[in-house]
């Protein structure tokens, strides 16, 4: 059996609110424009030679009902005024014959930028360990980023983050996803 390796990937995000928890998740998937697919959660590898494409282009390559692999970050609350986030981080190696990493992060009370940077940091850390880049675990984000840039082995890190504030009487769900396309 031939294994499937995605040729491209796109990032998307969404938020949903509903009195039912499951329906709020469905609304978040709709907002992210991925509710019409059968979603299969996978782990954290960004395939070699894979291209990061925009969501609109990625969606044209998929059909309703299709089984679609993705890395999904998801968070839910029914607490009034509770801030939630879901972030996907992506680290792409300079040598595109190597694989990169995708991370997911879910948090409470974090800003979009803090959550997104943390997700990028996780992905870059996972990639750096496979590339032999050494760094101090206690180093700040800026210090680590400088080390990764100086190594010349990580070419790009990005994130996509969705946040929302819970509302009384409703479930609020946020999702961020890295969606694989053949």
C-alpha atoms as a PDB file:
ATOM      1  CA  UNK A   1       0.000   0.000   0.000  1.00  0.00           C
ATOM      2  CA  UNK A   2       1.363   3.383  -0.996  1.00  0.00           C
ATOM      3  CA  UNK A   3       1.501   5.860   1.855  1.00  0.00           C
ATOM      4  CA  UNK A   4       0.005   9.298   1.519  1.00  0.00           C
ATOM      5  CA  UNK A   5       2.308  12.252   2.001  1.00  0.00           C
ATOM      6  CA  UNK A   6       0.660  15.647   1.830  1.00  0.00           C
ATOM      7  CA  UNK A   7       1.997  17.984  -0.832  1.00  0.00           C
ATOM      8  CA  UNK A   8       0.480  21.073   0.754  1.00  0.00           C
ATOM      9  CA  UNK A   9      -1.062  22.332   3.949  1.00  0.00           C
ATOM     10  CA  UNK A  10      -3.182  25.306   4.935  1.00  0.00           C
ATOM     11  CA  UNK A  11      -3.938  26.972   8.249  1.00  0.00           C
ATOM     12  CA  UNK A  12      -7.413  27.924   9.412  1.00  0.00           C
ATOM     13  CA  UNK A  13      -9.247  28.995  12.555  1.00  0.00           C
ATOM     14  CA  UNK A  14     -12.763  29.550  13.858  1.00  0.00           C
ATOM     15  CA  UNK A  15     -15.001  30.249  16.821  1.00  0.00           C
ATOM     16  CA  UNK A  16     -18.449  28.894  17.665  1.00  0.00           C
ATOM     17  CA  UNK A  17     -21.067  29.579  20.307  1.00  0.00           C
ATOM     18  CA  UNK A  18     -24.120  27.506  21.175  1.00  0.00           C
ATOM     19  CA  UNK A  19     -26.098  26.341  24.212  1.00  0.00           C
ATOM     20  CA  UNK A  20     -24.884  22.791  23.448  1.00  0.00           C
ATOM     21  CA  UNK A  21     -21.158  22.006  23.760  1.00  0.00           C
ATOM     22  CA  UNK A  22     -21.008  19.771  20.656  1.00  0.00           C
ATOM     23  CA  UNK A  23     -22.932  22.303  18.573  1.00  0.00           C
ATOM     24  CA  UNK A  24     -20.460  25.039  19.576  1.00  0.00           C
ATOM     25  CA  UNK A  25     -17.652  22.825  18.247  1.00  0.00           C
ATOM     26  CA  UNK A  26     -19.565  22.337  14.986  1.00  0.00           C
ATOM     27  CA  UNK A  27     -20.033  26.108  14.709  1.00  0.00           C
ATOM     28  CA  UNK A  28     -16.278  26.629  15.213  1.00  0.00           C
ATOM     29  CA  UNK A  29     -15.534  24.100  12.446  1.00  0.00           C
ATOM     30  CA  UNK A  30     -18.013  25.902  10.183  1.00  0.00           C
ATOM     31  CA  UNK A  31     -16.353  29.229  10.911  1.00  0.00           C
ATOM     32  CA  UNK A  32     -13.000  27.641  10.020  1.00  0.00           C
ATOM     33  CA  UNK A  33     -14.655  26.269   6.836  1.00  0.00           C
ATOM     34  CA  UNK A  34     -13.744  22.636   7.597  1.00  0.00           C
ATOM     35  CA  UNK A  35     -17.039  21.275   8.969  1.00  0.00           C
ATOM     36  CA  UNK A  36     -17.941  19.524   5.686  1.00  0.00           C
ATOM     37  CA  UNK A  37     -15.044  17.065   5.926  1.00  0.00           C
ATOM     38  CA  UNK A  38     -14.442  13.876   7.933  1.00  0.00           C
ATOM     39  CA  UNK A  39     -11.588  15.043  10.111  1.00  0.00           C
ATOM     40  CA  UNK A  40      -8.824  12.713  11.266  1.00  0.00           C
ATOM     41  CA  UNK A  41      -6.455  14.092  13.891  1.00  0.00           C
ATOM     42  CA  UNK A  42      -2.779  13.354  13.308  1.00  0.00           C
ATOM     43  CA  UNK A  43       0.418  14.209  15.132  1.00  0.00           C
ATOM     44  CA  UNK A  44       3.004  16.831  14.493  1.00  0.00           C
ATOM     45  CA  UNK A  45       5.045  16.252  11.317  1.00  0.00           C
ATOM     46  CA  UNK A  46       5.184  18.836   8.516  1.00  0.00           C
ATOM     47  CA  UNK A  47       6.113  16.635   5.516  1.00  0.00           C
ATOM     48  CA  UNK A  48       9.313  17.166   3.510  1.00  0.00           C
ATOM     49  CA  UNK A  49       8.797  19.374   0.423  1.00  0.00           C
ATOM     50  CA  UNK A  50       5.284  20.287   1.620  1.00  0.00           C
ATOM     51  CA  UNK A  51       4.056  23.770   0.690  1.00  0.00           C
ATOM     52  CA  UNK A  52       2.156  26.132   2.953  1.00  0.00           C
ATOM     53  CA  UNK A  53      -0.757  27.464   0.879  1.00  0.00           C
ATOM     54  CA  UNK A  54      -3.619  29.837   1.655  1.00  0.00           C
ATOM     55  CA  UNK A  55      -6.915  28.508   2.937  1.00  0.00           C
ATOM     56  CA  UNK A  56      -8.986  29.441  -0.117  1.00  0.00           C
ATOM     57  CA  UNK A  57      -6.687  27.505  -2.445  1.00  0.00           C
ATOM     58  CA  UNK A  58      -6.560  24.538  -0.052  1.00  0.00           C
ATOM     59  CA  UNK A  59     -10.335  24.337   0.198  1.00  0.00           C
ATOM     60  CA  UNK A  60     -10.644  24.118  -3.621  1.00  0.00           C
ATOM     61  CA  UNK A  61      -8.576  20.920  -3.510  1.00  0.00           C
ATOM     62  CA  UNK A  62     -10.955  19.145  -1.086  1.00  0.00           C
ATOM     63  CA  UNK A  63     -14.419  17.603  -1.551  1.00  0.00           C
ATOM     64  CA  UNK A  64     -17.334  17.490   0.883  1.00  0.00           C
ATOM     65  CA  UNK A  65     -17.305  14.247   2.871  1.00  0.00           C
ATOM     66  CA  UNK A  66     -13.624  13.619   2.143  1.00  0.00           C
ATOM     67  CA  UNK A  67     -11.426  12.162   4.881  1.00  0.00           C
ATOM     68  CA  UNK A  68      -9.048  14.981   5.732  1.00  0.00           C
ATOM     69  CA  UNK A  69      -6.028  14.749   8.025  1.00  0.00           C
ATOM     70  CA  UNK A  70      -5.228  17.704  10.239  1.00  0.00           C
ATOM     71  CA  UNK A  71      -3.490  18.844  13.386  1.00  0.00           C
ATOM     72  CA  UNK A  72      -6.197  20.452  15.508  1.00  0.00           C
ATOM     73  CA  UNK A  73      -5.999  22.728  18.534  1.00  0.00           C
ATOM     74  CA  UNK A  74      -9.323  23.090  20.358  1.00  0.00           C
ATOM     75  CA  UNK A  75     -10.529  24.759  23.541  1.00  0.00           C
ATOM     76  CA  UNK A  76     -13.988  25.154  25.062  1.00  0.00           C
ATOM     77  CA  UNK A  77     -15.575  27.024  27.957  1.00  0.00           C
ATOM     78  CA  UNK A  78     -18.995  27.764  29.359  1.00  0.00           C
ATOM     79  CA  UNK A  79     -17.663  30.283  31.885  1.00  0.00           C
ATOM     80  CA  UNK A  80     -18.719  33.892  31.439  1.00  0.00           C
ATOM     81  CA  UNK A  81     -15.794  36.214  30.596  1.00  0.00           C
ATOM     82  CA  UNK A  82     -13.299  33.296  30.396  1.00  0.00           C
ATOM     83  CA  UNK A  83     -10.629  33.960  27.720  1.00  0.00           C
ATOM     84  CA  UNK A  84      -9.685  30.849  25.723  1.00  0.00           C
ATOM     85  CA  UNK A  85      -7.242  30.304  22.866  1.00  0.00           C
ATOM     86  CA  UNK A  86      -6.307  27.546  20.444  1.00  0.00           C
ATOM     87  CA  UNK A  87      -3.057  27.890  18.488  1.00  0.00           C
ATOM     88  CA  UNK A  88      -1.173  25.975  15.832  1.00  0.00           C
ATOM     89  CA  UNK A  89       2.562  26.591  15.446  1.00  0.00           C
ATOM     90  CA  UNK A  90       4.594  25.578  12.408  1.00  0.00           C
ATOM     91  CA  UNK A  91       8.376  25.289  12.024  1.00  0.00           C
ATOM     92  CA  UNK A  92       9.761  24.678   8.530  1.00  0.00           C
ATOM     93  CA  UNK A  93      13.404  23.623   8.019  1.00  0.00           C
ATOM     94  CA  UNK A  94      15.654  25.415   5.536  1.00  0.00           C
ATOM     95  CA  UNK A  95      16.498  22.046   3.937  1.00  0.00           C
ATOM     96  CA  UNK A  96      13.071  21.162   2.559  1.00  0.00           C
ATOM     97  CA  UNK A  97      14.045  17.489   2.144  1.00  0.00           C
ATOM     98  CA  UNK A  98      13.773  17.299   5.951  1.00  0.00           C
ATOM     99  CA  UNK A  99      10.472  17.321   7.811  1.00  0.00           C
ATOM    100  CA  UNK A 100       9.284  20.184   9.963  1.00  0.00           C
ATOM    101  CA  UNK A 101       6.994  20.279  12.987  1.00  0.00           C
ATOM    102  CA  UNK A 102       3.480  21.384  13.794  1.00  0.00           C
ATOM    103  CA  UNK A 103       2.407  22.030  17.385  1.00  0.00           C
ATOM    104  CA  UNK A 104      -0.929  22.637  19.012  1.00  0.00           C
ATOM    105  CA  UNK A 105      -1.478  24.732  22.123  1.00  0.00           C
ATOM    106  CA  UNK A 106      -4.674  25.417  24.080  1.00  0.00           C
ATOM    107  CA  UNK A 107      -4.789  27.929  26.890  1.00  0.00           C
ATOM    108  CA  UNK A 108      -6.905  29.969  29.273  1.00  0.00           C
ATOM    109  CA  UNK A 109      -6.272  33.655  29.967  1.00  0.00           C
ATOM    110  CA  UNK A 110      -3.525  34.066  27.347  1.00  0.00           C
ATOM    111  CA  UNK A 111      -3.527  36.720  24.639  1.00  0.00           C
ATOM    112  CA  UNK A 112      -3.475  35.737  20.964  1.00  0.00           C
ATOM    113  CA  UNK A 113       0.156  36.806  20.643  1.00  0.00           C
ATOM    114  CA  UNK A 114       1.326  34.934  23.762  1.00  0.00           C
ATOM    115  CA  UNK A 115      -0.509  31.754  22.750  1.00  0.00           C
ATOM    116  CA  UNK A 116       0.678  31.968  19.133  1.00  0.00           C
ATOM    117  CA  UNK A 117       4.290  32.622  20.087  1.00  0.00           C
ATOM    118  CA  UNK A 118       4.203  29.699  22.498  1.00  0.00           C
ATOM    119  CA  UNK A 119       2.879  27.388  19.750  1.00  0.00           C
ATOM    120  CA  UNK A 120       5.635  28.594  17.380  1.00  0.00           C
ATOM    121  CA  UNK A 121       8.189  28.077  20.152  1.00  0.00           C
ATOM    122  CA  UNK A 122       6.992  24.485  20.675  1.00  0.00           C
ATOM    123  CA  UNK A 123       7.223  23.667  16.966  1.00  0.00           C
ATOM    124  CA  UNK A 124      10.653  25.270  16.618  1.00  0.00           C
ATOM    125  CA  UNK A 125      11.908  23.486  19.736  1.00  0.00           C
ATOM    126  CA  UNK A 126      10.771  20.102  18.404  1.00  0.00           C
ATOM    127  CA  UNK A 127      12.412  20.807  15.037  1.00  0.00           C
ATOM    128  CA  UNK A 128      15.614  22.133  16.598  1.00  0.00           C
ATOM    129  CA  UNK A 129      16.154  18.949  18.593  1.00  0.00           C
ATOM    130  CA  UNK A 130      16.027  16.839  15.413  1.00  0.00           C
ATOM    131  CA  UNK A 131      18.429  19.222  13.646  1.00  0.00           C
ATOM    132  CA  UNK A 132      20.988  19.228  16.453  1.00  0.00           C
ATOM    133  CA  UNK A 133      20.472  22.864  17.442  1.00  0.00           C
ATOM    134  CA  UNK A 134      21.275  23.262  21.105  1.00  0.00           C
ATOM    135  CA  UNK A 135      19.718  25.912  23.321  1.00  0.00           C
ATOM    136  CA  UNK A 136      19.095  26.578  26.962  1.00  0.00           C
ATOM    137  CA  UNK A 137      15.614  25.401  27.921  1.00  0.00           C
ATOM    138  CA  UNK A 138      15.214  28.380  30.257  1.00  0.00           C
ATOM    139  CA  UNK A 139      16.076  30.900  27.522  1.00  0.00           C
ATOM    140  CA  UNK A 140      13.421  33.450  26.604  1.00  0.00           C
ATOM    141  CA  UNK A 141      11.459  33.241  23.343  1.00  0.00           C
ATOM    142  CA  UNK A 142      13.607  36.027  21.826  1.00  0.00           C
ATOM    143  CA  UNK A 143      16.856  34.294  22.855  1.00  0.00           C
ATOM    144  CA  UNK A 144      15.715  30.957  21.392  1.00  0.00           C
ATOM    145  CA  UNK A 145      14.517  32.629  18.205  1.00  0.00           C
ATOM    146  CA  UNK A 146      17.948  34.267  17.756  1.00  0.00           C
ATOM    147  CA  UNK A 147      19.674  30.914  18.260  1.00  0.00           C
ATOM    148  CA  UNK A 148      17.408  29.213  15.697  1.00  0.00           C
ATOM    149  CA  UNK A 149      17.936  32.039  13.193  1.00  0.00           C
ATOM    150  CA  UNK A 150      21.698  31.983  13.719  1.00  0.00           C
ATOM    151  CA  UNK A 151      21.814  28.226  13.115  1.00  0.00           C
ATOM    152  CA  UNK A 152      20.460  28.797   9.594  1.00  0.00           C
ATOM    153  CA  UNK A 153      18.595  25.480   9.811  1.00  0.00           C
ATOM    154  CA  UNK A 154      15.071  26.775  10.505  1.00  0.00           C
ATOM    155  CA  UNK A 155      13.775  28.992   7.732  1.00  0.00           C
ATOM    156  CA  UNK A 156      10.300  29.898   8.916  1.00  0.00           C
ATOM    157  CA  UNK A 157       7.989  29.740  11.905  1.00  0.00           C
ATOM    158  CA  UNK A 158       4.354  30.811  11.800  1.00  0.00           C
ATOM    159  CA  UNK A 159       1.237  30.414  13.888  1.00  0.00           C
ATOM    160  CA  UNK A 160      -2.502  30.758  13.635  1.00  0.00           C
ATOM    161  CA  UNK A 161      -4.470  31.515  16.781  1.00  0.00           C
ATOM    162  CA  UNK A 162      -8.157  31.826  17.582  1.00  0.00           C
ATOM    163  CA  UNK A 163      -9.317  33.337  20.848  1.00  0.00           C
ATOM    164  CA  UNK A 164     -12.720  34.120  22.307  1.00  0.00           C
ATOM    165  CA  UNK A 165     -14.287  35.202  25.561  1.00  0.00           C
ATOM    166  CA  UNK A 166     -16.954  32.962  27.066  1.00  0.00           C
ATOM    167  CA  UNK A 167     -20.506  34.234  27.369  1.00  0.00           C
ATOM    168  CA  UNK A 168     -23.038  33.359  30.032  1.00  0.00           C
ATOM    169  CA  UNK A 169     -25.437  30.574  29.034  1.00  0.00           C
ATOM    170  CA  UNK A 170     -23.428  29.486  25.989  1.00  0.00           C
ATOM    171  CA  UNK A 171     -20.597  27.104  25.236  1.00  0.00           C
ATOM    172  CA  UNK A 172     -17.779  28.846  23.379  1.00  0.00           C
ATOM    173  CA  UNK A 173     -15.342  26.774  21.316  1.00  0.00           C
ATOM    174  CA  UNK A 174     -12.220  27.920  19.470  1.00  0.00           C
ATOM    175  CA  UNK A 175     -10.274  25.873  16.928  1.00  0.00           C
ATOM    176  CA  UNK A 176      -7.096  26.336  14.929  1.00  0.00           C
ATOM    177  CA  UNK A 177      -5.948  23.746  12.424  1.00  0.00           C
ATOM    178  CA  UNK A 178      -3.223  22.761  10.003  1.00  0.00           C
ATOM    179  CA  UNK A 179      -5.069  20.917   7.231  1.00  0.00           C
ATOM    180  CA  UNK A 180      -3.243  18.472   4.946  1.00  0.00           C
ATOM    181  CA  UNK A 181      -3.961  18.402   1.207  1.00  0.00           C
ATOM    182  CA  UNK A 182      -2.713  15.617  -1.123  1.00  0.00           C
END
